[in-house]
Amino acid sequence: MNALRRTALVLLAMAFAGGASVTTSAADPAYPTRPVKIMVGANAGGGTDIIARMLAEKFQESMKQPFVVENKPGASNTIAADLTAKAPPDGYTLLVATNTARRSPRT
């Protein structure tokens, strides 16, 4: 299994687990009642963006509300993570990011 496919599967599993916890723990049983933003800490067209758009499509189909992907690349996902962290904790701003840690080269 190649690295992109493995990453995609892990992200999908995490998103579905996270989505289930958001919908079961939300105070409003009709969640979502308005569009949901999915913040992505990478450029449009990259692997993380593609995964986020796949998730948005599936969530939109199942929850009958728009899920909008917003790309905020830069600072190793920090910009998107900061915007998500500062959003109201109501489940209407989600984050899809990757681990950007890299191994140092052997010397």
PDB file of N, CA and C in Angstrom:
ATOM      1  N   MET A   1       0.867  -1.184   0.000  1.00  0.00           N
ATOM      2  CA  MET A   1       0.000   0.000   0.000  1.00  0.00           C
ATOM      3  C   MET A   1       0.901   1.230   0.000  1.00  0.00           C
ATOM      4  N   ASN A   2       0.664   2.137  -0.939  1.00  0.00           N
ATOM      5  CA  ASN A   2       1.546   3.300  -1.004  1.00  0.00           C
ATOM      6  C   ASN A   2       1.235   4.294   0.111  1.00  0.00           C
ATOM      7  N   ALA A   3       2.143   5.218   0.326  1.00  0.00           N
ATOM      8  CA  ALA A   3       2.042   6.146   1.459  1.00  0.00           C
ATOM      9  C   ALA A   3       0.826   7.051   1.342  1.00  0.00           C
ATOM     10  N   LEU A   4       0.504   7.530   0.139  1.00  0.00           N
ATOM     11  CA  LEU A   4      -0.654   8.422  -0.026  1.00  0.00           C
ATOM     12  C   LEU A   4      -1.945   7.691   0.303  1.00  0.00           C
ATOM     13  N   ARG A   5      -2.063   6.466  -0.161  1.00  0.00           N
ATOM     14  CA  ARG A   5      -3.281   5.696   0.121  1.00  0.00           C
ATOM     15  C   ARG A   5      -3.405   5.406   1.617  1.00  0.00           C
ATOM     16  N   ARG A   6      -2.305   5.045   2.249  1.00  0.00           N
ATOM     17  CA  ARG A   6      -2.319   4.771   3.691  1.00  0.00           C
ATOM     18  C   ARG A   6      -2.717   6.029   4.462  1.00  0.00           C
ATOM     19  N   THR A   7      -2.141   7.180   4.073  1.00  0.00           N
ATOM     20  CA  THR A   7      -2.485   8.442   4.724  1.00  0.00           C
ATOM     21  C   THR A   7      -3.957   8.766   4.527  1.00  0.00           C
ATOM     22  N   ALA A   8      -4.457   8.542   3.325  1.00  0.00           N
ATOM     23  CA  ALA A   8      -5.869   8.810   3.033  1.00  0.00           C
ATOM     24  C   ALA A   8      -6.775   7.952   3.906  1.00  0.00           C
ATOM     25  N   LEU A   9      -6.446   6.696   4.043  1.00  0.00           N
ATOM     26  CA  LEU A   9      -7.264   5.805   4.868  1.00  0.00           C
ATOM     27  C   LEU A   9      -7.255   6.224   6.339  1.00  0.00           C
ATOM     28  N   VAL A  10      -6.091   6.606   6.832  1.00  0.00           N
ATOM     29  CA  VAL A  10      -5.988   7.057   8.222  1.00  0.00           C
ATOM     30  C   VAL A  10      -6.804   8.327   8.427  1.00  0.00           C
ATOM     31  N   LEU A  11      -6.681   9.279   7.504  1.00  0.00           N
ATOM     32  CA  LEU A  11      -7.438  10.529   7.621  1.00  0.00           C
ATOM     33  C   LEU A  11      -8.940  10.280   7.540  1.00  0.00           C
ATOM     34  N   LEU A  12      -9.371   9.401   6.647  1.00  0.00           N
ATOM     35  CA  LEU A  12     -10.797   9.087   6.549  1.00  0.00           C
ATOM     36  C   LEU A  12     -11.309   8.466   7.840  1.00  0.00           C
ATOM     37  N   ALA A  13     -10.553   7.545   8.384  1.00  0.00           N
ATOM     38  CA  ALA A  13     -10.970   6.905   9.635  1.00  0.00           C
ATOM     39  C   ALA A  13     -11.063   7.920  10.764  1.00  0.00           C
ATOM     40  N   MET A  14     -10.073   8.820  10.840  1.00  0.00           N
ATOM     41  CA  MET A  14     -10.097   9.841  11.888  1.00  0.00           C
ATOM     42  C   MET A  14     -11.262  10.800  11.689  1.00  0.00           C
ATOM     43  N   ALA A  15     -11.516  11.163  10.457  1.00  0.00           N
ATOM     44  CA  ALA A  15     -12.603  12.108  10.182  1.00  0.00           C
ATOM     45  C   ALA A  15     -13.953  11.493  10.518  1.00  0.00           C
ATOM     46  N   PHE A  16     -14.151  10.236  10.143  1.00  0.00           N
ATOM     47  CA  PHE A  16     -15.426   9.612  10.452  1.00  0.00           C
ATOM     48  C   PHE A  16     -15.595   9.428  11.954  1.00  0.00           C
ATOM     49  N   ALA A  17     -14.527   9.094  12.647  1.00  0.00           N
ATOM     50  CA  ALA A  17     -14.605   8.986  14.104  1.00  0.00           C
ATOM     51  C   ALA A  17     -14.887  10.343  14.721  1.00  0.00           C
ATOM     52  N   GLY A  18     -14.210  11.372  14.235  1.00  0.00           N
ATOM     53  CA  GLY A  18     -14.437  12.726  14.723  1.00  0.00           C
ATOM     54  C   GLY A  18     -15.824  13.220  14.381  1.00  0.00           C
ATOM     55  N   GLY A  19     -16.295  12.924  13.178  1.00  0.00           N
ATOM     56  CA  GLY A  19     -17.635  13.339  12.770  1.00  0.00           C
ATOM     57  C   GLY A  19     -18.699  12.680  13.621  1.00  0.00           C
ATOM     58  N   ALA A  20     -18.495  11.413  13.957  1.00  0.00           N
ATOM     59  CA  ALA A  20     -19.464  10.718  14.799  1.00  0.00           C
ATOM     60  C   ALA A  20     -19.505  11.328  16.193  1.00  0.00           C
ATOM     61  N   SER A  21     -18.349  11.702  16.731  1.00  0.00           N
ATOM     62  CA  SER A  21     -18.342  12.281  18.067  1.00  0.00           C
ATOM     63  C   SER A  21     -18.936  13.678  18.070  1.00  0.00           C
ATOM     64  N   VAL A  22     -18.743  14.431  16.979  1.00  0.00           N
ATOM     65  CA  VAL A  22     -19.336  15.773  16.904  1.00  0.00           C
ATOM     66  C   VAL A  22     -20.842  15.675  16.860  1.00  0.00           C
ATOM     67  N   THR A  23     -21.374  14.776  16.036  1.00  0.00           N
ATOM     68  CA  THR A  23     -22.818  14.708  15.894  1.00  0.00           C
ATOM     69  C   THR A  23     -23.492  14.128  17.133  1.00  0.00           C
ATOM     70  N   THR A  24     -22.833  13.245  17.853  1.00  0.00           N
ATOM     71  CA  THR A  24     -23.461  12.673  19.028  1.00  0.00           C
ATOM     72  C   THR A  24     -23.334  13.565  20.251  1.00  0.00           C
ATOM     73  N   SER A  25     -22.294  14.421  20.272  1.00  0.00           N
ATOM     74  CA  SER A  25     -22.105  15.253  21.444  1.00  0.00           C
ATOM     75  C   SER A  25     -22.640  16.669  21.259  1.00  0.00           C
ATOM     76  N   ALA A  26     -23.074  17.015  20.076  1.00  0.00           N
ATOM     77  CA  ALA A  26     -23.572  18.367  19.829  1.00  0.00           C
ATOM     78  C   ALA A  26     -24.879  18.592  20.575  1.00  0.00           C
ATOM     79  N   ALA A  27     -25.037  19.795  21.085  1.00  0.00           N
ATOM     80  CA  ALA A  27     -26.259  20.123  21.822  1.00  0.00           C
ATOM     81  C   ALA A  27     -27.467  20.155  20.895  1.00  0.00           C
ATOM     82  N   ASP A  28     -27.257  20.537  19.652  1.00  0.00           N
ATOM     83  CA  ASP A  28     -28.338  20.632  18.681  1.00  0.00           C
ATOM     84  C   ASP A  28     -28.444  19.322  17.911  1.00  0.00           C
ATOM     85  N   PRO A  29     -29.528  18.565  18.069  1.00  0.00           N
ATOM     86  CA  PRO A  29     -29.640  17.284  17.385  1.00  0.00           C
ATOM     87  C   PRO A  29     -29.774  17.428  15.870  1.00  0.00           C
ATOM     88  N   ALA A  30     -30.033  18.630  15.366  1.00  0.00           N
ATOM     89  CA  ALA A  30     -30.183  18.850  13.929  1.00  0.00           C
ATOM     90  C   ALA A  30     -28.869  19.259  13.270  1.00  0.00           C
ATOM     91  N   TYR A  31     -27.738  19.095  13.959  1.00  0.00           N
ATOM     92  CA  TYR A  31     -26.445  19.482  13.403  1.00  0.00           C
ATOM     93  C   TYR A  31     -26.194  18.775  12.090  1.00  0.00           C
ATOM     94  N   PRO A  32     -25.724  19.461  11.126  1.00  0.00           N
ATOM     95  CA  PRO A  32     -25.484  20.897  10.996  1.00  0.00           C
ATOM     96  C   PRO A  32     -26.711  21.611  10.429  1.00  0.00           C
ATOM     97  N   THR A  33     -26.914  22.813  10.868  1.00  0.00           N
ATOM     98  CA  THR A  33     -28.043  23.614  10.381  1.00  0.00           C
ATOM     99  C   THR A  33     -27.574  24.712   9.431  1.00  0.00           C
ATOM    100  N   ARG A  34     -26.277  24.813   9.221  1.00  0.00           N
ATOM    101  CA  ARG A  34     -25.699  25.795   8.305  1.00  0.00           C
ATOM    102  C   ARG A  34     -24.403  25.208   7.751  1.00  0.00           C
ATOM    103  N   PRO A  35     -23.806  25.862   6.751  1.00  0.00           N
ATOM    104  CA  PRO A  35     -22.582  25.310   6.156  1.00  0.00           C
ATOM    105  C   PRO A  35     -21.459  25.122   7.178  1.00  0.00           C
ATOM    106  N   VAL A  36     -20.660  24.098   6.953  1.00  0.00           N
ATOM    107  CA  VAL A  36     -19.528  23.761   7.806  1.00  0.00           C
ATOM    108  C   VAL A  36     -18.247  24.024   7.016  1.00  0.00           C
ATOM    109  N   LYS A  37     -17.272  24.682   7.639  1.00  0.00           N
ATOM    110  CA  LYS A  37     -15.979  24.943   7.002  1.00  0.00           C
ATOM    111  C   LYS A  37     -14.998  23.842   7.383  1.00  0.00           C
ATOM    112  N   ILE A  38     -14.273  23.375   6.393  1.00  0.00           N
ATOM    113  CA  ILE A  38     -13.178  22.438   6.627  1.00  0.00           C
ATOM    114  C   ILE A  38     -11.897  23.166   6.263  1.00  0.00           C
ATOM    115  N   MET A  39     -11.100  23.500   7.264  1.00  0.00           N
ATOM    116  CA  MET A  39      -9.850  24.215   7.056  1.00  0.00           C
ATOM    117  C   MET A  39      -8.772  23.200   6.685  1.00  0.00           C
ATOM    118  N   VAL A  40      -7.979  23.534   5.661  1.00  0.00           N
ATOM    119  CA  VAL A  40      -6.906  22.659   5.202  1.00  0.00           C
ATOM    120  C   VAL A  40      -5.610  23.459   5.213  1.00  0.00           C
ATOM    121  N   GLY A  41      -4.598  22.932   5.878  1.00  0.00           N
ATOM    122  CA  GLY A  41      -3.321  23.623   5.981  1.00  0.00           C
ATOM    123  C   GLY A  41      -2.380  23.321   4.844  1.00  0.00           C
ATOM    124  N   ALA A  42      -2.915  23.188   3.629  1.00  0.00           N
ATOM    125  CA  ALA A  42      -2.086  22.870   2.460  1.00  0.00           C
ATOM    126  C   ALA A  42      -2.680  23.530   1.225  1.00  0.00           C
ATOM    127  N   ASN A  43      -1.889  23.566   0.164  1.00  0.00           N
ATOM    128  CA  ASN A  43      -2.338  24.143  -1.094  1.00  0.00           C
ATOM    129  C   ASN A  43      -3.446  23.311  -1.739  1.00  0.00           C
ATOM    130  N   ALA A  44      -4.266  23.965  -2.531  1.00  0.00           N
ATOM    131  CA  ALA A  44      -5.293  23.266  -3.295  1.00  0.00           C
ATOM    132  C   ALA A  44      -4.628  22.328  -4.293  1.00  0.00           C
ATOM    133  N   GLY A  45      -5.206  21.155  -4.448  1.00  0.00           N
ATOM    134  CA  GLY A  45      -4.691  20.188  -5.410  1.00  0.00           C
ATOM    135  C   GLY A  45      -3.733  19.171  -4.839  1.00  0.00           C
ATOM    136  N   GLY A  46      -3.271  19.376  -3.612  1.00  0.00           N
ATOM    137  CA  GLY A  46      -2.365  18.420  -2.980  1.00  0.00           C
ATOM    138  C   GLY A  46      -3.128  17.266  -2.328  1.00  0.00           C
ATOM    139  N   GLY A  47      -2.391  16.334  -1.786  1.00  0.00           N
ATOM    140  CA  GLY A  47      -3.003  15.155  -1.174  1.00  0.00           C
ATOM    141  C   GLY A  47      -3.959  15.481  -0.035  1.00  0.00           C
ATOM    142  N   THR A  48      -3.573  16.396   0.840  1.00  0.00           N
ATOM    143  CA  THR A  48      -4.425  16.755   1.973  1.00  0.00           C
ATOM    144  C   THR A  48      -5.701  17.429   1.486  1.00  0.00           C
ATOM    145  N   ASP A  49      -5.588  18.290   0.485  1.00  0.00           N
ATOM    146  CA  ASP A  49      -6.751  18.960  -0.086  1.00  0.00           C
ATOM    147  C   ASP A  49      -7.707  17.951  -0.716  1.00  0.00           C
ATOM    148  N   ILE A  50      -7.163  16.980  -1.432  1.00  0.00           N
ATOM    149  CA  ILE A  50      -7.997  15.966  -2.072  1.00  0.00           C
ATOM    150  C   ILE A  50      -8.763  15.167  -1.023  1.00  0.00           C
ATOM    151  N   ILE A  51      -8.091  14.787   0.056  1.00  0.00           N
ATOM    152  CA  ILE A  51      -8.757  14.052   1.137  1.00  0.00           C
ATOM    153  C   ILE A  51      -9.862  14.908   1.752  1.00  0.00           C
ATOM    154  N   ALA A  52      -9.572  16.177   2.013  1.00  0.00           N
ATOM    155  CA  ALA A  52     -10.574  17.070   2.603  1.00  0.00           C
ATOM    156  C   ALA A  52     -11.790  17.208   1.698  1.00  0.00           C
ATOM    157  N   ARG A  53     -11.565  17.302   0.400  1.00  0.00           N
ATOM    158  CA  ARG A  53     -12.685  17.438  -0.539  1.00  0.00           C
ATOM    159  C   ARG A  53     -13.493  16.151  -0.634  1.00  0.00           C
ATOM    160  N   MET A  54     -12.827  15.005  -0.524  1.00  0.00           N
ATOM    161  CA  MET A  54     -13.555  13.733  -0.493  1.00  0.00           C
ATOM    162  C   MET A  54     -14.422  13.658   0.759  1.00  0.00           C
ATOM    163  N   LEU A  55     -13.865  14.063   1.898  1.00  0.00           N
ATOM    164  CA  LEU A  55     -14.628  14.074   3.141  1.00  0.00           C
ATOM    165  C   LEU A  55     -15.807  15.037   3.049  1.00  0.00           C
ATOM    166  N   ALA A  56     -15.551  16.232   2.508  1.00  0.00           N
ATOM    167  CA  ALA A  56     -16.609  17.235   2.381  1.00  0.00           C
ATOM    168  C   ALA A  56     -17.764  16.696   1.547  1.00  0.00           C
ATOM    169  N   GLU A  57     -17.433  16.026   0.472  1.00  0.00           N
ATOM    170  CA  GLU A  57     -18.475  15.470  -0.397  1.00  0.00           C
ATOM    171  C   GLU A  57     -19.315  14.424   0.346  1.00  0.00           C
ATOM    172  N   LYS A  58     -18.652  13.522   1.054  1.00  0.00           N
ATOM    173  CA  LYS A  58     -19.377  12.469   1.790  1.00  0.00           C
ATOM    174  C   LYS A  58     -20.211  13.054   2.932  1.00  0.00           C
ATOM    175  N   PHE A  59     -19.632  13.998   3.671  1.00  0.00           N
ATOM    176  CA  PHE A  59     -20.384  14.631   4.761  1.00  0.00           C
ATOM    177  C   PHE A  59     -21.590  15.383   4.213  1.00  0.00           C
ATOM    178  N   GLN A  60     -21.405  16.080   3.099  1.00  0.00           N
ATOM    179  CA  GLN A  60     -22.501  16.845   2.502  1.00  0.00           C
ATOM    180  C   GLN A  60     -23.627  15.915   2.064  1.00  0.00           C
ATOM    181  N   GLU A  61     -23.288  14.786   1.476  1.00  0.00           N
ATOM    182  CA  GLU A  61     -24.299  13.813   1.065  1.00  0.00           C
ATOM    183  C   GLU A  61     -25.076  13.272   2.255  1.00  0.00           C
ATOM    184  N   SER A  62     -24.370  12.941   3.311  1.00  0.00           N
ATOM    185  CA  SER A  62     -25.028  12.301   4.450  1.00  0.00           C
ATOM    186  C   SER A  62     -25.741  13.279   5.376  1.00  0.00           C
ATOM    187  N   MET A  63     -25.263  14.513   5.474  1.00  0.00           N
ATOM    188  CA  MET A  63     -25.853  15.467   6.418  1.00  0.00           C
ATOM    189  C   MET A  63     -26.692  16.553   5.752  1.00  0.00           C
ATOM    190  N   LYS A  64     -26.739  16.548   4.423  1.00  0.00           N
ATOM    191  CA  LYS A  64     -27.583  17.480   3.664  1.00  0.00           C
ATOM    192  C   LYS A  64     -27.310  18.946   3.955  1.00  0.00           C
ATOM    193  N   GLN A  65     -26.048  19.277   4.193  1.00  0.00           N
ATOM    194  CA  GLN A  65     -25.603  20.658   4.379  1.00  0.00           C
ATOM    195  C   GLN A  65     -24.275  20.819   3.650  1.00  0.00           C
ATOM    196  N   PRO A  66     -23.975  22.023   3.176  1.00  0.00           N
ATOM    197  CA  PRO A  66     -22.687  22.234   2.508  1.00  0.00           C
ATOM    198  C   PRO A  66     -21.509  22.109   3.476  1.00  0.00           C
ATOM    199  N   PHE A  67     -20.469  21.453   3.023  1.00  0.00           N
ATOM    200  CA  PHE A  67     -19.186  21.393   3.728  1.00  0.00           C
ATOM    201  C   PHE A  67     -18.187  22.036   2.784  1.00  0.00           C
ATOM    202  N   VAL A  68     -17.646  23.185   3.162  1.00  0.00           N
ATOM    203  CA  VAL A  68     -16.812  24.005   2.299  1.00  0.00           C
ATOM    204  C   VAL A  68     -15.348  23.884   2.715  1.00  0.00           C
ATOM    205  N   VAL A  69     -14.494  23.505   1.772  1.00  0.00           N
ATOM    206  CA  VAL A  69     -13.060  23.383   2.028  1.00  0.00           C
ATOM    207  C   VAL A  69     -12.409  24.743   1.821  1.00  0.00           C
ATOM    208  N   GLU A  70     -11.668  25.194   2.830  1.00  0.00           N
ATOM    209  CA  GLU A  70     -10.912  26.452   2.744  1.00  0.00           C
ATOM    210  C   GLU A  70      -9.440  26.140   2.942  1.00  0.00           C
ATOM    211  N   ASN A  71      -8.647  26.400   1.925  1.00  0.00           N
ATOM    212  CA  ASN A  71      -7.212  26.155   2.000  1.00  0.00           C
ATOM    213  C   ASN A  71      -6.515  27.358   2.619  1.00  0.00           C
ATOM    214  N   LYS A  72      -5.751  27.110   3.668  1.00  0.00           N
ATOM    215  CA  LYS A  72      -4.952  28.130   4.353  1.00  0.00           C
ATOM    216  C   LYS A  72      -3.542  27.581   4.513  1.00  0.00           C
ATOM    217  N   PRO A  73      -2.789  27.500   3.399  1.00  0.00           N
ATOM    218  CA  PRO A  73      -1.457  26.901   3.473  1.00  0.00           C
ATOM    219  C   PRO A  73      -0.455  27.809   4.173  1.00  0.00           C
ATOM    220  N   GLY A  74       0.562  27.179   4.697  1.00  0.00           N
ATOM    221  CA  GLY A  74       1.672  27.920   5.279  1.00  0.00           C
ATOM    222  C   GLY A  74       1.950  27.542   6.709  1.00  0.00           C
ATOM    223  N   ALA A  75       3.178  27.755   7.100  1.00  0.00           N
ATOM    224  CA  ALA A  75       3.641  27.542   8.473  1.00  0.00           C
ATOM    225  C   ALA A  75       3.349  26.133   8.972  1.00  0.00           C
ATOM    226  N   SER A  76       3.515  25.148   8.091  1.00  0.00           N
ATOM    227  CA  SER A  76       3.327  23.735   8.450  1.00  0.00           C
ATOM    228  C   SER A  76       1.980  23.480   9.116  1.00  0.00           C
ATOM    229  N   ASN A  77       0.909  23.928   8.509  1.00  0.00           N
ATOM    230  CA  ASN A  77      -0.480  23.748   8.965  1.00  0.00           C
ATOM    231  C   ASN A  77      -0.871  24.682  10.101  1.00  0.00           C
ATOM    232  N   THR A  78       0.043  25.496  10.588  1.00  0.00           N
ATOM    233  CA  THR A  78      -0.236  26.329  11.759  1.00  0.00           C
ATOM    234  C   THR A  78      -1.306  27.380  11.493  1.00  0.00           C
ATOM    235  N   ILE A  79      -1.327  27.948  10.308  1.00  0.00           N
ATOM    236  CA  ILE A  79      -2.321  28.981   9.998  1.00  0.00           C
ATOM    237  C   ILE A  79      -3.727  28.393  10.066  1.00  0.00           C
ATOM    238  N   ALA A  80      -3.947  27.280   9.394  1.00  0.00           N
ATOM    239  CA  ALA A  80      -5.265  26.636   9.415  1.00  0.00           C
ATOM    240  C   ALA A  80      -5.622  26.167  10.819  1.00  0.00           C
ATOM    241  N   ALA A  81      -4.657  25.619  11.541  1.00  0.00           N
ATOM    242  CA  ALA A  81      -4.914  25.144  12.903  1.00  0.00           C
ATOM    243  C   ALA A  81      -5.268  26.304  13.827  1.00  0.00           C
ATOM    244  N   ASP A  82      -4.595  27.430  13.676  1.00  0.00           N
ATOM    245  CA  ASP A  82      -4.874  28.602  14.500  1.00  0.00           C
ATOM    246  C   ASP A  82      -6.284  29.125  14.236  1.00  0.00           C
ATOM    247  N   LEU A  83      -6.664  29.223  12.963  1.00  0.00           N
ATOM    248  CA  LEU A  83      -8.014  29.683  12.628  1.00  0.00           C
ATOM    249  C   LEU A  83      -9.078  28.728  13.182  1.00  0.00           C
ATOM    250  N   THR A  84      -8.811  27.444  13.109  1.00  0.00           N
ATOM    251  CA  THR A  84      -9.751  26.454  13.634  1.00  0.00           C
ATOM    252  C   THR A  84      -9.851  26.559  15.151  1.00  0.00           C
ATOM    253  N   ALA A  85      -8.718  26.721  15.815  1.00  0.00           N
ATOM    254  CA  ALA A  85      -8.704  26.819  17.275  1.00  0.00           C
ATOM    255  C   ALA A  85      -9.428  28.065  17.766  1.00  0.00           C
ATOM    256  N   LYS A  86      -9.371  29.148  17.002  1.00  0.00           N
ATOM    257  CA  LYS A  86     -10.010  30.398  17.410  1.00  0.00           C
ATOM    258  C   LYS A  86     -11.481  30.474  17.013  1.00  0.00           C
ATOM    259  N   ALA A  87     -11.960  29.517  16.233  1.00  0.00           N
ATOM    260  CA  ALA A  87     -13.369  29.488  15.842  1.00  0.00           C
ATOM    261  C   ALA A  87     -14.227  29.072  17.037  1.00  0.00           C
ATOM    262  N   PRO A  88     -15.493  29.472  17.052  1.00  0.00           N
ATOM    263  CA  PRO A  88     -16.368  29.031  18.141  1.00  0.00           C
ATOM    264  C   PRO A  88     -16.400  27.500  18.212  1.00  0.00           C
ATOM    265  N   PRO A  89     -16.429  26.933  19.409  1.00  0.00           N
ATOM    266  CA  PRO A  89     -16.409  25.469  19.550  1.00  0.00           C
ATOM    267  C   PRO A  89     -17.790  24.848  19.315  1.00  0.00           C
ATOM    268  N   ASP A  90     -18.326  25.077  18.120  1.00  0.00           N
ATOM    269  CA  ASP A  90     -19.676  24.606  17.825  1.00  0.00           C
ATOM    270  C   ASP A  90     -19.723  23.518  16.762  1.00  0.00           C
ATOM    271  N   GLY A  91     -18.558  23.083  16.281  1.00  0.00           N
ATOM    272  CA  GLY A  91     -18.508  22.015  15.296  1.00  0.00           C
ATOM    273  C   GLY A  91     -18.681  22.486  13.859  1.00  0.00           C
ATOM    274  N   TYR A  92     -18.698  23.787  13.636  1.00  0.00           N
ATOM    275  CA  TYR A  92     -18.879  24.306  12.286  1.00  0.00           C
ATOM    276  C   TYR A  92     -17.562  24.701  11.620  1.00  0.00           C
ATOM    277  N   THR A  93     -16.452  24.502  12.279  1.00  0.00           N
ATOM    278  CA  THR A  93     -15.137  24.694  11.686  1.00  0.00           C
ATOM    279  C   THR A  93     -14.303  23.472  12.051  1.00  0.00           C
ATOM    280  N   LEU A  94     -13.928  22.700  11.028  1.00  0.00           N
ATOM    281  CA  LEU A  94     -13.155  21.483  11.212  1.00  0.00           C
ATOM    282  C   LEU A  94     -11.775  21.675  10.590  1.00  0.00           C
ATOM    283  N   LEU A  95     -10.845  20.816  10.936  1.00  0.00           N
ATOM    284  CA  LEU A  95      -9.480  20.903  10.432  1.00  0.00           C
ATOM    285  C   LEU A  95      -9.047  19.570   9.849  1.00  0.00           C
ATOM    286  N   VAL A  96      -8.457  19.631   8.662  1.00  0.00           N
ATOM    287  CA  VAL A  96      -7.780  18.475   8.085  1.00  0.00           C
ATOM    288  C   VAL A  96      -6.334  18.903   7.878  1.00  0.00           C
ATOM    289  N   ALA A  97      -5.420  18.214   8.543  1.00  0.00           N
ATOM    290  CA  ALA A  97      -4.002  18.568   8.460  1.00  0.00           C
ATOM    291  C   ALA A  97      -3.175  17.287   8.467  1.00  0.00           C
ATOM    292  N   THR A  98      -1.925  17.422   8.132  1.00  0.00           N
ATOM    293  CA  THR A  98      -1.020  16.280   8.153  1.00  0.00           C
ATOM    294  C   THR A  98       0.103  16.535   9.138  1.00  0.00           C
ATOM    295  N   ASN A  99       0.768  15.480   9.501  1.00  0.00           N
ATOM    296  CA  ASN A  99       1.955  15.587  10.335  1.00  0.00           C
ATOM    297  C   ASN A  99       3.103  15.980   9.424  1.00  0.00           C
ATOM    298  N   THR A 100       3.680  17.133   9.652  1.00  0.00           N
ATOM    299  CA  THR A 100       4.737  17.606   8.766  1.00  0.00           C
ATOM    300  C   THR A 100       6.131  17.370   9.315  1.00  0.00           C
ATOM    301  N   ALA A 101       6.232  16.631  10.403  1.00  0.00           N
ATOM    302  CA  ALA A 101       7.552  16.341  10.972  1.00  0.00           C
ATOM    303  C   ALA A 101       8.342  15.476   9.998  1.00  0.00           C
ATOM    304  N   ARG A 102       9.591  15.783   9.848  1.00  0.00           N
ATOM    305  CA  ARG A 102      10.454  15.029   8.943  1.00  0.00           C
ATOM    306  C   ARG A 102      11.637  14.493   9.727  1.00  0.00           C
ATOM    307  N   ARG A 103      12.068  13.333   9.306  1.00  0.00           N
ATOM    308  CA  ARG A 103      13.259  12.770   9.924  1.00  0.00           C
ATOM    309  C   ARG A 103      14.475  13.533   9.445  1.00  0.00           C
ATOM    310  N   SER A 104      15.389  13.726  10.334  1.00  0.00           N
ATOM    311  CA  SER A 104      16.628  14.389   9.918  1.00  0.00           C
ATOM    312  C   SER A 104      17.483  13.374   9.165  1.00  0.00           C
ATOM    313  N   PRO A 105      18.224  13.835   8.193  1.00  0.00           N
ATOM    314  CA  PRO A 105      19.058  12.901   7.421  1.00  0.00           C
ATOM    315  C   PRO A 105      20.145  12.287   8.295  1.00  0.00           C
ATOM    316  N   ARG A 106      20.495  11.067   7.976  1.00  0.00           N
ATOM    317  CA  ARG A 106      21.565  10.398   8.725  1.00  0.00           C
ATOM    318  C   ARG A 106      22.896  11.029   8.370  1.00  0.00           C
ATOM    319  N   THR A 107      23.716  11.156   9.377  1.00  0.00           N
ATOM    320  CA  THR A 107      25.039  11.731   9.137  1.00  0.00           C
ATOM    321  C   THR A 107      26.121  10.703   9.255  1.00  0.00           C
TER     322      THR A 107
END
